[in-house]
Amino acid sequence: MRAGPLYSSEVIQLLNKQFVNVFVVLGDLPALQNSTKGAPVNQLAAVVAQTLKESVGQGAGKSVNTFVLSPELELVGHLPYRKPNESFSPVDEEKYLTFLKDSLAMLK
């Protein structure tokens, strides 16, 4: 995704203005879920891990995903890099912008 929509200045501006951006390494999820860093970190890791597990179970890739969570850390939206059971097809800029804007609308 870094070579796709994240190269768009419009996407970057929207992400920086409206979202708190966090990068999580897949291998770190178990440690974050079981850490002593506090309930919010554990909850964040649990939501991401569960959603990712369900997505992978449907055939989506797990290397690059976007999750939108509410301030209460509830899942609002999830966008895998490719749709379940679809051959590799990177997410384009317009699709990504629509996803982000729809997620913001759901939070209001």
PDB file of N, CA and C in Angstrom:
ATOM      1  N   MET A   1       0.822  -1.177   0.000  1.00  0.00           N
ATOM      2  CA  MET A   1       0.000   0.000   0.000  1.00  0.00           C
ATOM      3  C   MET A   1       0.873   1.251   0.000  1.00  0.00           C
ATOM      4  N   ARG A   2       2.071   1.137   0.496  1.00  0.00           N
ATOM      5  CA  ARG A   2       2.959   2.300   0.511  1.00  0.00           C
ATOM      6  C   ARG A   2       3.275   2.776  -0.901  1.00  0.00           C
ATOM      7  N   ALA A   3       3.223   1.879  -1.866  1.00  0.00           N
ATOM      8  CA  ALA A   3       3.494   2.264  -3.244  1.00  0.00           C
ATOM      9  C   ALA A   3       2.217   2.677  -3.957  1.00  0.00           C
ATOM     10  N   GLY A   4       1.079   2.612  -3.299  1.00  0.00           N
ATOM     11  CA  GLY A   4      -0.208   2.942  -3.904  1.00  0.00           C
ATOM     12  C   GLY A   4      -0.780   4.217  -3.328  1.00  0.00           C
ATOM     13  N   PRO A   5      -1.917   4.106  -2.628  1.00  0.00           N
ATOM     14  CA  PRO A   5      -2.618   5.305  -2.161  1.00  0.00           C
ATOM     15  C   PRO A   5      -1.841   6.149  -1.160  1.00  0.00           C
ATOM     16  N   LEU A   6      -0.872   5.564  -0.466  1.00  0.00           N
ATOM     17  CA  LEU A   6      -0.133   6.349   0.509  1.00  0.00           C
ATOM     18  C   LEU A   6       0.897   7.285  -0.133  1.00  0.00           C
ATOM     19  N   TYR A   7       0.983   7.253  -1.451  1.00  0.00           N
ATOM     20  CA  TYR A   7       1.820   8.218  -2.152  1.00  0.00           C
ATOM     21  C   TYR A   7       1.018   9.443  -2.572  1.00  0.00           C
ATOM     22  N   SER A   8      -0.280   9.427  -2.339  1.00  0.00           N
ATOM     23  CA  SER A   8      -1.150  10.539  -2.704  1.00  0.00           C
ATOM     24  C   SER A   8      -1.119  11.612  -1.627  1.00  0.00           C
ATOM     25  N   SER A   9      -0.864  12.854  -2.019  1.00  0.00           N
ATOM     26  CA  SER A   9      -0.843  13.931  -1.034  1.00  0.00           C
ATOM     27  C   SER A   9      -2.228  14.139  -0.422  1.00  0.00           C
ATOM     28  N   GLU A  10      -3.296  13.907  -1.180  1.00  0.00           N
ATOM     29  CA  GLU A  10      -4.651  14.049  -0.642  1.00  0.00           C
ATOM     30  C   GLU A  10      -4.907  13.014   0.450  1.00  0.00           C
ATOM     31  N   VAL A  11      -4.476  11.792   0.233  1.00  0.00           N
ATOM     32  CA  VAL A  11      -4.634  10.734   1.239  1.00  0.00           C
ATOM     33  C   VAL A  11      -3.812  11.072   2.476  1.00  0.00           C
ATOM     34  N   ILE A  12      -2.575  11.456   2.286  1.00  0.00           N
ATOM     35  CA  ILE A  12      -1.694  11.783   3.415  1.00  0.00           C
ATOM     36  C   ILE A  12      -2.266  12.938   4.226  1.00  0.00           C
ATOM     37  N   GLN A  13      -2.754  13.966   3.566  1.00  0.00           N
ATOM     38  CA  GLN A  13      -3.334  15.111   4.274  1.00  0.00           C
ATOM     39  C   GLN A  13      -4.551  14.689   5.092  1.00  0.00           C
ATOM     40  N   LEU A  14      -5.424  13.877   4.518  1.00  0.00           N
ATOM     41  CA  LEU A  14      -6.608  13.406   5.240  1.00  0.00           C
ATOM     42  C   LEU A  14      -6.200  12.549   6.436  1.00  0.00           C
ATOM     43  N   LEU A  15      -5.275  11.643   6.234  1.00  0.00           N
ATOM     44  CA  LEU A  15      -4.808  10.789   7.337  1.00  0.00           C
ATOM     45  C   LEU A  15      -4.206  11.628   8.466  1.00  0.00           C
ATOM     46  N   ASN A  16      -3.374  12.597   8.117  1.00  0.00           N
ATOM     47  CA  ASN A  16      -2.711  13.407   9.137  1.00  0.00           C
ATOM     48  C   ASN A  16      -3.668  14.353   9.857  1.00  0.00           C
ATOM     49  N   LYS A  17      -4.705  14.799   9.169  1.00  0.00           N
ATOM     50  CA  LYS A  17      -5.633  15.757   9.760  1.00  0.00           C
ATOM     51  C   LYS A  17      -6.723  15.088  10.595  1.00  0.00           C
ATOM     52  N   GLN A  18      -7.213  13.923  10.168  1.00  0.00           N
ATOM     53  CA  GLN A  18      -8.406  13.341  10.769  1.00  0.00           C
ATOM     54  C   GLN A  18      -8.186  12.042  11.547  1.00  0.00           C
ATOM     55  N   PHE A  19      -7.012  11.456  11.463  1.00  0.00           N
ATOM     56  CA  PHE A  19      -6.792  10.145  12.051  1.00  0.00           C
ATOM     57  C   PHE A  19      -5.541  10.132  12.934  1.00  0.00           C
ATOM     58  N   VAL A  20      -5.517   9.220  13.877  1.00  0.00           N
ATOM     59  CA  VAL A  20      -4.303   8.919  14.629  1.00  0.00           C
ATOM     60  C   VAL A  20      -3.739   7.671  13.959  1.00  0.00           C
ATOM     61  N   ASN A  21      -2.601   7.793  13.341  1.00  0.00           N
ATOM     62  CA  ASN A  21      -2.035   6.710  12.546  1.00  0.00           C
ATOM     63  C   ASN A  21      -1.058   5.890  13.369  1.00  0.00           C
ATOM     64  N   VAL A  22      -1.281   4.578  13.380  1.00  0.00           N
ATOM     65  CA  VAL A  22      -0.441   3.662  14.143  1.00  0.00           C
ATOM     66  C   VAL A  22      -0.038   2.523  13.214  1.00  0.00           C
ATOM     67  N   PHE A  23       1.227   2.198  13.213  1.00  0.00           N
ATOM     68  CA  PHE A  23       1.738   1.082  12.430  1.00  0.00           C
ATOM     69  C   PHE A  23       2.026  -0.057  13.397  1.00  0.00           C
ATOM     70  N   VAL A  24       1.421  -1.224  13.149  1.00  0.00           N
ATOM     71  CA  VAL A  24       1.616  -2.373  14.024  1.00  0.00           C
ATOM     72  C   VAL A  24       2.198  -3.521  13.205  1.00  0.00           C
ATOM     73  N   VAL A  25       3.283  -4.075  13.675  1.00  0.00           N
ATOM     74  CA  VAL A  25       3.889  -5.235  13.030  1.00  0.00           C
ATOM     75  C   VAL A  25       3.110  -6.478  13.463  1.00  0.00           C
ATOM     76  N   LEU A  26       2.708  -7.275  12.499  1.00  0.00           N
ATOM     77  CA  LEU A  26       1.889  -8.452  12.762  1.00  0.00           C
ATOM     78  C   LEU A  26       2.455  -9.327  13.874  1.00  0.00           C
ATOM     79  N   GLY A  27       3.748  -9.527  13.860  1.00  0.00           N
ATOM     80  CA  GLY A  27       4.379 -10.375  14.875  1.00  0.00           C
ATOM     81  C   GLY A  27       4.321  -9.802  16.278  1.00  0.00           C
ATOM     82  N   ASP A  28       4.026  -8.500  16.384  1.00  0.00           N
ATOM     83  CA  ASP A  28       3.941  -7.858  17.700  1.00  0.00           C
ATOM     84  C   ASP A  28       2.564  -7.972  18.345  1.00  0.00           C
ATOM     85  N   LEU A  29       1.556  -8.393  17.585  1.00  0.00           N
ATOM     86  CA  LEU A  29       0.199  -8.435  18.135  1.00  0.00           C
ATOM     87  C   LEU A  29       0.065  -9.299  19.390  1.00  0.00           C
ATOM     88  N   PRO A  30       0.596 -10.522  19.410  1.00  0.00           N
ATOM     89  CA  PRO A  30       0.449 -11.324  20.637  1.00  0.00           C
ATOM     90  C   PRO A  30       1.060 -10.646  21.862  1.00  0.00           C
ATOM     91  N   ALA A  31       2.229 -10.056  21.704  1.00  0.00           N
ATOM     92  CA  ALA A  31       2.871  -9.383  22.833  1.00  0.00           C
ATOM     93  C   ALA A  31       2.056  -8.174  23.278  1.00  0.00           C
ATOM     94  N   LEU A  32       1.477  -7.445  22.324  1.00  0.00           N
ATOM     95  CA  LEU A  32       0.655  -6.293  22.674  1.00  0.00           C
ATOM     96  C   LEU A  32      -0.629  -6.718  23.380  1.00  0.00           C
ATOM     97  N   GLN A  33      -1.200  -7.840  22.934  1.00  0.00           N
ATOM     98  CA  GLN A  33      -2.419  -8.333  23.574  1.00  0.00           C
ATOM     99  C   GLN A  33      -2.159  -8.749  25.017  1.00  0.00           C
ATOM    100  N   ASN A  34      -0.979  -9.242  25.298  1.00  0.00           N
ATOM    101  CA  ASN A  34      -0.659  -9.760  26.619  1.00  0.00           C
ATOM    102  C   ASN A  34       0.241  -8.829  27.424  1.00  0.00           C
ATOM    103  N   SER A  35       0.416  -7.613  26.934  1.00  0.00           N
ATOM    104  CA  SER A  35       1.366  -6.706  27.582  1.00  0.00           C
ATOM    105  C   SER A  35       0.785  -6.074  28.838  1.00  0.00           C
ATOM    106  N   THR A  36       1.650  -5.413  29.549  1.00  0.00           N
ATOM    107  CA  THR A  36       1.239  -4.669  30.736  1.00  0.00           C
ATOM    108  C   THR A  36       1.178  -3.183  30.419  1.00  0.00           C
ATOM    109  N   LYS A  37       1.057  -2.850  29.132  1.00  0.00           N
ATOM    110  CA  LYS A  37       1.046  -1.451  28.723  1.00  0.00           C
ATOM    111  C   LYS A  37      -0.313  -0.801  28.946  1.00  0.00           C
ATOM    112  N   GLY A  38      -1.273  -1.549  29.425  1.00  0.00           N
ATOM    113  CA  GLY A  38      -2.569  -0.970  29.731  1.00  0.00           C
ATOM    114  C   GLY A  38      -3.689  -1.502  28.859  1.00  0.00           C
ATOM    115  N   ALA A  39      -4.884  -1.317  29.345  1.00  0.00           N
ATOM    116  CA  ALA A  39      -6.076  -1.830  28.670  1.00  0.00           C
ATOM    117  C   ALA A  39      -6.238  -1.297  27.242  1.00  0.00           C
ATOM    118  N   PRO A  40      -6.010  -0.008  26.975  1.00  0.00           N
ATOM    119  CA  PRO A  40      -6.190   0.461  25.597  1.00  0.00           C
ATOM    120  C   PRO A  40      -5.289  -0.248  24.576  1.00  0.00           C
ATOM    121  N   VAL A  41      -4.045  -0.483  24.953  1.00  0.00           N
ATOM    122  CA  VAL A  41      -3.122  -1.177  24.038  1.00  0.00           C
ATOM    123  C   VAL A  41      -3.595  -2.611  23.826  1.00  0.00           C
ATOM    124  N   ASN A  42      -3.997  -3.276  24.892  1.00  0.00           N
ATOM    125  CA  ASN A  42      -4.491  -4.648  24.782  1.00  0.00           C
ATOM    126  C   ASN A  42      -5.736  -4.707  23.907  1.00  0.00           C
ATOM    127  N   GLN A  43      -6.650  -3.744  24.106  1.00  0.00           N
ATOM    128  CA  GLN A  43      -7.894  -3.727  23.336  1.00  0.00           C
ATOM    129  C   GLN A  43      -7.621  -3.459  21.865  1.00  0.00           C
ATOM    130  N   LEU A  44      -6.754  -2.508  21.582  1.00  0.00           N
ATOM    131  CA  LEU A  44      -6.376  -2.213  20.209  1.00  0.00           C
ATOM    132  C   LEU A  44      -5.831  -3.463  19.530  1.00  0.00           C
ATOM    133  N   ALA A  45      -4.906  -4.130  20.176  1.00  0.00           N
ATOM    134  CA  ALA A  45      -4.296  -5.339  19.614  1.00  0.00           C
ATOM    135  C   ALA A  45      -5.333  -6.449  19.436  1.00  0.00           C
ATOM    136  N   ALA A  46      -6.250  -6.589  20.375  1.00  0.00           N
ATOM    137  CA  ALA A  46      -7.279  -7.639  20.285  1.00  0.00           C
ATOM    138  C   ALA A  46      -8.207  -7.391  19.104  1.00  0.00           C
ATOM    139  N   VAL A  47      -8.646  -6.142  18.911  1.00  0.00           N
ATOM    140  CA  VAL A  47      -9.542  -5.813  17.794  1.00  0.00           C
ATOM    141  C   VAL A  47      -8.840  -6.073  16.465  1.00  0.00           C
ATOM    142  N   VAL A  48      -7.609  -5.606  16.356  1.00  0.00           N
ATOM    143  CA  VAL A  48      -6.850  -5.802  15.113  1.00  0.00           C
ATOM    144  C   VAL A  48      -6.612  -7.288  14.864  1.00  0.00           C
ATOM    145  N   ALA A  49      -6.214  -8.027  15.884  1.00  0.00           N
ATOM    146  CA  ALA A  49      -5.929  -9.457  15.721  1.00  0.00           C
ATOM    147  C   ALA A  49      -7.173 -10.227  15.300  1.00  0.00           C
ATOM    148  N   GLN A  50      -8.310  -9.960  15.929  1.00  0.00           N
ATOM    149  CA  GLN A  50      -9.539 -10.677  15.607  1.00  0.00           C
ATOM    150  C   GLN A  50     -10.009 -10.359  14.185  1.00  0.00           C
ATOM    151  N   THR A  51      -9.994  -9.079  13.824  1.00  0.00           N
ATOM    152  CA  THR A  51     -10.431  -8.681  12.488  1.00  0.00           C
ATOM    153  C   THR A  51      -9.508  -9.260  11.427  1.00  0.00           C
ATOM    154  N   LEU A  52      -8.221  -9.228  11.701  1.00  0.00           N
ATOM    155  CA  LEU A  52      -7.252  -9.778  10.764  1.00  0.00           C
ATOM    156  C   LEU A  52      -7.451 -11.285  10.612  1.00  0.00           C
ATOM    157  N   LYS A  53      -7.691 -11.980  11.715  1.00  0.00           N
ATOM    158  CA  LYS A  53      -7.915 -13.429  11.668  1.00  0.00           C
ATOM    159  C   LYS A  53      -9.137 -13.754  10.805  1.00  0.00           C
ATOM    160  N   GLU A  54     -10.212 -13.011  10.984  1.00  0.00           N
ATOM    161  CA  GLU A  54     -11.424 -13.233  10.191  1.00  0.00           C
ATOM    162  C   GLU A  54     -11.173 -12.937   8.719  1.00  0.00           C
ATOM    163  N   SER A  55     -10.451 -11.867   8.436  1.00  0.00           N
ATOM    164  CA  SER A  55     -10.159 -11.472   7.066  1.00  0.00           C
ATOM    165  C   SER A  55      -9.289 -12.517   6.364  1.00  0.00           C
ATOM    166  N   VAL A  56      -8.262 -12.986   7.060  1.00  0.00           N
ATOM    167  CA  VAL A  56      -7.381 -14.008   6.491  1.00  0.00           C
ATOM    168  C   VAL A  56      -8.171 -15.295   6.263  1.00  0.00           C
ATOM    169  N   GLY A  57      -9.079 -15.608   7.172  1.00  0.00           N
ATOM    170  CA  GLY A  57      -9.926 -16.780   7.015  1.00  0.00           C
ATOM    171  C   GLY A  57     -10.795 -16.708   5.770  1.00  0.00           C
ATOM    172  N   GLN A  58     -11.082 -15.504   5.311  1.00  0.00           N
ATOM    173  CA  GLN A  58     -11.875 -15.308   4.095  1.00  0.00           C
ATOM    174  C   GLN A  58     -10.993 -15.214   2.852  1.00  0.00           C
ATOM    175  N   GLY A  59      -9.699 -15.300   3.041  1.00  0.00           N
ATOM    176  CA  GLY A  59      -8.784 -15.315   1.906  1.00  0.00           C
ATOM    177  C   GLY A  59      -8.052 -14.019   1.632  1.00  0.00           C
ATOM    178  N   ALA A  60      -8.225 -13.004   2.490  1.00  0.00           N
ATOM    179  CA  ALA A  60      -7.517 -11.739   2.270  1.00  0.00           C
ATOM    180  C   ALA A  60      -6.074 -11.862   2.735  1.00  0.00           C
ATOM    181  N   GLY A  61      -5.221 -11.044   2.183  1.00  0.00           N
ATOM    182  CA  GLY A  61      -3.834 -11.022   2.622  1.00  0.00           C
ATOM    183  C   GLY A  61      -3.728 -10.414   4.004  1.00  0.00           C
ATOM    184  N   LYS A  62      -2.629 -10.673   4.677  1.00  0.00           N
ATOM    185  CA  LYS A  62      -2.485 -10.135   6.022  1.00  0.00           C
ATOM    186  C   LYS A  62      -1.293  -9.212   6.180  1.00  0.00           C
ATOM    187  N   SER A  63      -0.580  -8.948   5.119  1.00  0.00           N
ATOM    188  CA  SER A  63       0.621  -8.140   5.282  1.00  0.00           C
ATOM    189  C   SER A  63       0.334  -6.649   5.436  1.00  0.00           C
ATOM    190  N   VAL A  64      -0.662  -6.120   4.738  1.00  0.00           N
ATOM    191  CA  VAL A  64      -0.983  -4.696   4.827  1.00  0.00           C
ATOM    192  C   VAL A  64      -2.495  -4.562   4.926  1.00  0.00           C
ATOM    193  N   ASN A  65      -2.962  -4.024   6.017  1.00  0.00           N
ATOM    194  CA  ASN A  65      -4.377  -3.796   6.234  1.00  0.00           C
ATOM    195  C   ASN A  65      -4.553  -2.430   6.863  1.00  0.00           C
ATOM    196  N   THR A  66      -5.725  -1.848   6.670  1.00  0.00           N
ATOM    197  CA  THR A  66      -6.064  -0.588   7.311  1.00  0.00           C
ATOM    198  C   THR A  66      -7.276  -0.828   8.190  1.00  0.00           C
ATOM    199  N   PHE A  67      -7.186  -0.380   9.427  1.00  0.00           N
ATOM    200  CA  PHE A  67      -8.272  -0.501  10.386  1.00  0.00           C
ATOM    201  C   PHE A  67      -8.648   0.899  10.846  1.00  0.00           C
ATOM    202  N   VAL A  68      -9.937   1.196  10.908  1.00  0.00           N
ATOM    203  CA  VAL A  68     -10.406   2.444  11.489  1.00  0.00           C
ATOM    204  C   VAL A  68     -11.166   2.066  12.746  1.00  0.00           C
ATOM    205  N   LEU A  69     -10.704   2.612  13.869  1.00  0.00           N
ATOM    206  CA  LEU A  69     -11.318   2.326  15.161  1.00  0.00           C
ATOM    207  C   LEU A  69     -11.902   3.611  15.733  1.00  0.00           C
ATOM    208  N   SER A  70     -12.969   3.457  16.489  1.00  0.00           N
ATOM    209  CA  SER A  70     -13.575   4.601  17.168  1.00  0.00           C
ATOM    210  C   SER A  70     -12.684   5.010  18.340  1.00  0.00           C
ATOM    211  N   PRO A  71     -12.975   6.158  18.968  1.00  0.00           N
ATOM    212  CA  PRO A  71     -12.208   6.531  20.166  1.00  0.00           C
ATOM    213  C   PRO A  71     -12.334   5.491  21.285  1.00  0.00           C
ATOM    214  N   GLU A  72     -13.392   4.683  21.230  1.00  0.00           N
ATOM    215  CA  GLU A  72     -13.582   3.615  22.222  1.00  0.00           C
ATOM    216  C   GLU A  72     -12.916   2.314  21.780  1.00  0.00           C
ATOM    217  N   LEU A  73     -12.164   2.369  20.677  1.00  0.00           N
ATOM    218  CA  LEU A  73     -11.426   1.239  20.100  1.00  0.00           C
ATOM    219  C   LEU A  73     -12.334   0.152  19.553  1.00  0.00           C
ATOM    220  N   GLU A  74     -13.518   0.543  19.075  1.00  0.00           N
ATOM    221  CA  GLU A  74     -14.406  -0.383  18.379  1.00  0.00           C
ATOM    222  C   GLU A  74     -14.123  -0.272  16.885  1.00  0.00           C
ATOM    223  N   LEU A  75     -14.191  -1.391  16.195  1.00  0.00           N
ATOM    224  CA  LEU A  75     -13.908  -1.405  14.764  1.00  0.00           C
ATOM    225  C   LEU A  75     -14.996  -0.656  14.001  1.00  0.00           C
ATOM    226  N   VAL A  76     -14.594   0.334  13.220  1.00  0.00           N
ATOM    227  CA  VAL A  76     -15.513   1.089  12.368  1.00  0.00           C
ATOM    228  C   VAL A  76     -15.388   0.595  10.936  1.00  0.00           C
ATOM    229  N   GLY A  77     -14.166   0.339  10.503  1.00  0.00           N
ATOM    230  CA  GLY A  77     -13.940  -0.122   9.142  1.00  0.00           C
ATOM    231  C   GLY A  77     -12.616  -0.846   9.013  1.00  0.00           C
ATOM    232  N   HIS A  78     -12.577  -1.728   8.030  1.00  0.00           N
ATOM    233  CA  HIS A  78     -11.362  -2.510   7.769  1.00  0.00           C
ATOM    234  C   HIS A  78     -11.205  -2.643   6.271  1.00  0.00           C
ATOM    235  N   LEU A  79     -10.018  -2.386   5.795  1.00  0.00           N
ATOM    236  CA  LEU A  79      -9.746  -2.500   4.370  1.00  0.00           C
ATOM    237  C   LEU A  79      -8.490  -3.333   4.170  1.00  0.00           C
ATOM    238  N   PRO A  80      -8.672  -4.588   3.753  1.00  0.00           N
ATOM    239  CA  PRO A  80      -7.480  -5.377   3.424  1.00  0.00           C
ATOM    240  C   PRO A  80      -6.868  -4.871   2.125  1.00  0.00           C
ATOM    241  N   TYR A  81      -5.616  -5.175   1.924  1.00  0.00           N
ATOM    242  CA  TYR A  81      -4.917  -4.742   0.720  1.00  0.00           C
ATOM    243  C   TYR A  81      -5.565  -5.307  -0.528  1.00  0.00           C
ATOM    244  N   ARG A  82      -6.161  -6.456  -0.385  1.00  0.00           N
ATOM    245  CA  ARG A  82      -6.941  -7.034  -1.479  1.00  0.00           C
ATOM    246  C   ARG A  82      -8.180  -7.676  -0.892  1.00  0.00           C
ATOM    247  N   LYS A  83      -9.212  -7.786  -1.698  1.00  0.00           N
ATOM    248  CA  LYS A  83     -10.458  -8.372  -1.232  1.00  0.00           C
ATOM    249  C   LYS A  83     -10.287  -9.881  -1.059  1.00  0.00           C
ATOM    250  N   PRO A  84     -11.116 -10.480  -0.168  1.00  0.00           N
ATOM    251  CA  PRO A  84     -11.042 -11.934   0.000  1.00  0.00           C
ATOM    252  C   PRO A  84     -11.216 -12.663  -1.329  1.00  0.00           C
ATOM    253  N   ASN A  85     -10.423 -13.699  -1.516  1.00  0.00           N
ATOM    254  CA  ASN A  85     -10.489 -14.576  -2.692  1.00  0.00           C
ATOM    255  C   ASN A  85     -10.279 -13.839  -4.016  1.00  0.00           C
ATOM    256  N   GLU A  86      -9.590 -12.732  -4.001  1.00  0.00           N
ATOM    257  CA  GLU A  86      -9.310 -11.961  -5.204  1.00  0.00           C
ATOM    258  C   GLU A  86      -7.826 -12.071  -5.505  1.00  0.00           C
ATOM    259  N   SER A  87      -7.496 -12.156  -6.777  1.00  0.00           N
ATOM    260  CA  SER A  87      -6.078 -12.147  -7.102  1.00  0.00           C
ATOM    261  C   SER A  87      -5.512 -10.783  -6.701  1.00  0.00           C
ATOM    262  N   PHE A  88      -4.220 -10.702  -6.591  1.00  0.00           N
ATOM    263  CA  PHE A  88      -3.583  -9.484  -6.098  1.00  0.00           C
ATOM    264  C   PHE A  88      -4.003  -8.274  -6.924  1.00  0.00           C
ATOM    265  N   SER A  89      -4.528  -7.290  -6.246  1.00  0.00           N
ATOM    266  CA  SER A  89      -4.977  -6.068  -6.887  1.00  0.00           C
ATOM    267  C   SER A  89      -4.880  -4.940  -5.862  1.00  0.00           C
ATOM    268  N   PRO A  90      -3.843  -4.149  -5.916  1.00  0.00           N
ATOM    269  CA  PRO A  90      -3.668  -3.106  -4.906  1.00  0.00           C
ATOM    270  C   PRO A  90      -4.848  -2.145  -4.830  1.00  0.00           C
ATOM    271  N   VAL A  91      -5.075  -1.620  -3.652  1.00  0.00           N
ATOM    272  CA  VAL A  91      -6.127  -0.644  -3.428  1.00  0.00           C
ATOM    273  C   VAL A  91      -5.724   0.657  -4.105  1.00  0.00           C
ATOM    274  N   ASP A  92      -6.632   1.224  -4.913  1.00  0.00           N
ATOM    275  CA  ASP A  92      -6.282   2.475  -5.572  1.00  0.00           C
ATOM    276  C   ASP A  92      -6.636   3.676  -4.696  1.00  0.00           C
ATOM    277  N   GLU A  93      -6.146   4.815  -5.103  1.00  0.00           N
ATOM    278  CA  GLU A  93      -6.299   6.040  -4.316  1.00  0.00           C
ATOM    279  C   GLU A  93      -7.758   6.399  -4.074  1.00  0.00           C
ATOM    280  N   GLU A  94      -8.594   6.355  -5.097  1.00  0.00           N
ATOM    281  CA  GLU A  94     -10.005   6.723  -4.942  1.00  0.00           C
ATOM    282  C   GLU A  94     -10.734   5.792  -3.980  1.00  0.00           C
ATOM    283  N   LYS A  95     -10.486   4.509  -4.099  1.00  0.00           N
ATOM    284  CA  LYS A  95     -11.120   3.537  -3.207  1.00  0.00           C
ATOM    285  C   LYS A  95     -10.691   3.788  -1.756  1.00  0.00           C
ATOM    286  N   TYR A  96      -9.429   4.090  -1.561  1.00  0.00           N
ATOM    287  CA  TYR A  96      -8.907   4.328  -0.224  1.00  0.00           C
ATOM    288  C   TYR A  96      -9.496   5.608   0.372  1.00  0.00           C
ATOM    289  N   LEU A  97      -9.570   6.676  -0.435  1.00  0.00           N
ATOM    290  CA  LEU A  97     -10.170   7.920   0.032  1.00  0.00           C
ATOM    291  C   LEU A  97     -11.639   7.727   0.401  1.00  0.00           C
ATOM    292  N   THR A  98     -12.366   6.991  -0.412  1.00  0.00           N
ATOM    293  CA  THR A  98     -13.776   6.711  -0.126  1.00  0.00           C
ATOM    294  C   THR A  98     -13.908   5.952   1.180  1.00  0.00           C
ATOM    295  N   PHE A  99     -13.074   4.959   1.370  1.00  0.00           N
ATOM    296  CA  PHE A  99     -13.081   4.182   2.614  1.00  0.00           C
ATOM    297  C   PHE A  99     -12.836   5.087   3.822  1.00  0.00           C
ATOM    298  N   LEU A 100     -11.839   5.954   3.746  1.00  0.00           N
ATOM    299  CA  LEU A 100     -11.527   6.846   4.863  1.00  0.00           C
ATOM    300  C   LEU A 100     -12.668   7.818   5.134  1.00  0.00           C
ATOM    301  N   LYS A 101     -13.222   8.411   4.095  1.00  0.00           N
ATOM    302  CA  LYS A 101     -14.318   9.373   4.260  1.00  0.00           C
ATOM    303  C   LYS A 101     -15.573   8.692   4.802  1.00  0.00           C
ATOM    304  N   ASP A 102     -15.879   7.502   4.319  1.00  0.00           N
ATOM    305  CA  ASP A 102     -17.035   6.748   4.836  1.00  0.00           C
ATOM    306  C   ASP A 102     -16.835   6.413   6.311  1.00  0.00           C
ATOM    307  N   SER A 103     -15.618   6.052   6.673  1.00  0.00           N
ATOM    308  CA  SER A 103     -15.319   5.727   8.078  1.00  0.00           C
ATOM    309  C   SER A 103     -15.505   6.959   8.960  1.00  0.00           C
ATOM    310  N   LEU A 104     -15.052   8.118   8.483  1.00  0.00           N
ATOM    311  CA  LEU A 104     -15.238   9.349   9.258  1.00  0.00           C
ATOM    312  C   LEU A 104     -16.726   9.660   9.432  1.00  0.00           C
ATOM    313  N   ALA A 105     -17.507   9.461   8.376  1.00  0.00           N
ATOM    314  CA  ALA A 105     -18.945   9.733   8.457  1.00  0.00           C
ATOM    315  C   ALA A 105     -19.617   8.830   9.488  1.00  0.00           C
ATOM    316  N   MET A 106     -19.152   7.609   9.601  1.00  0.00           N
ATOM    317  CA  MET A 106     -19.732   6.669  10.567  1.00  0.00           C
ATOM    318  C   MET A 106     -19.405   7.089  12.018  1.00  0.00           C
ATOM    319  N   LEU A 107     -18.328   7.815  12.201  1.00  0.00           N
ATOM    320  CA  LEU A 107     -17.928   8.247  13.526  1.00  0.00           C
ATOM    321  C   LEU A 107     -18.680   9.490  14.009  1.00  0.00           C
ATOM    322  N   LYS A 108     -19.350  10.158  13.096  1.00  0.00           N
ATOM    323  CA  LYS A 108     -20.043  11.409  13.468  1.00  0.00           C
ATOM    324  C   LYS A 108     -21.442  11.152  13.959  1.00  0.00           C
TER     325      LYS A 108
END
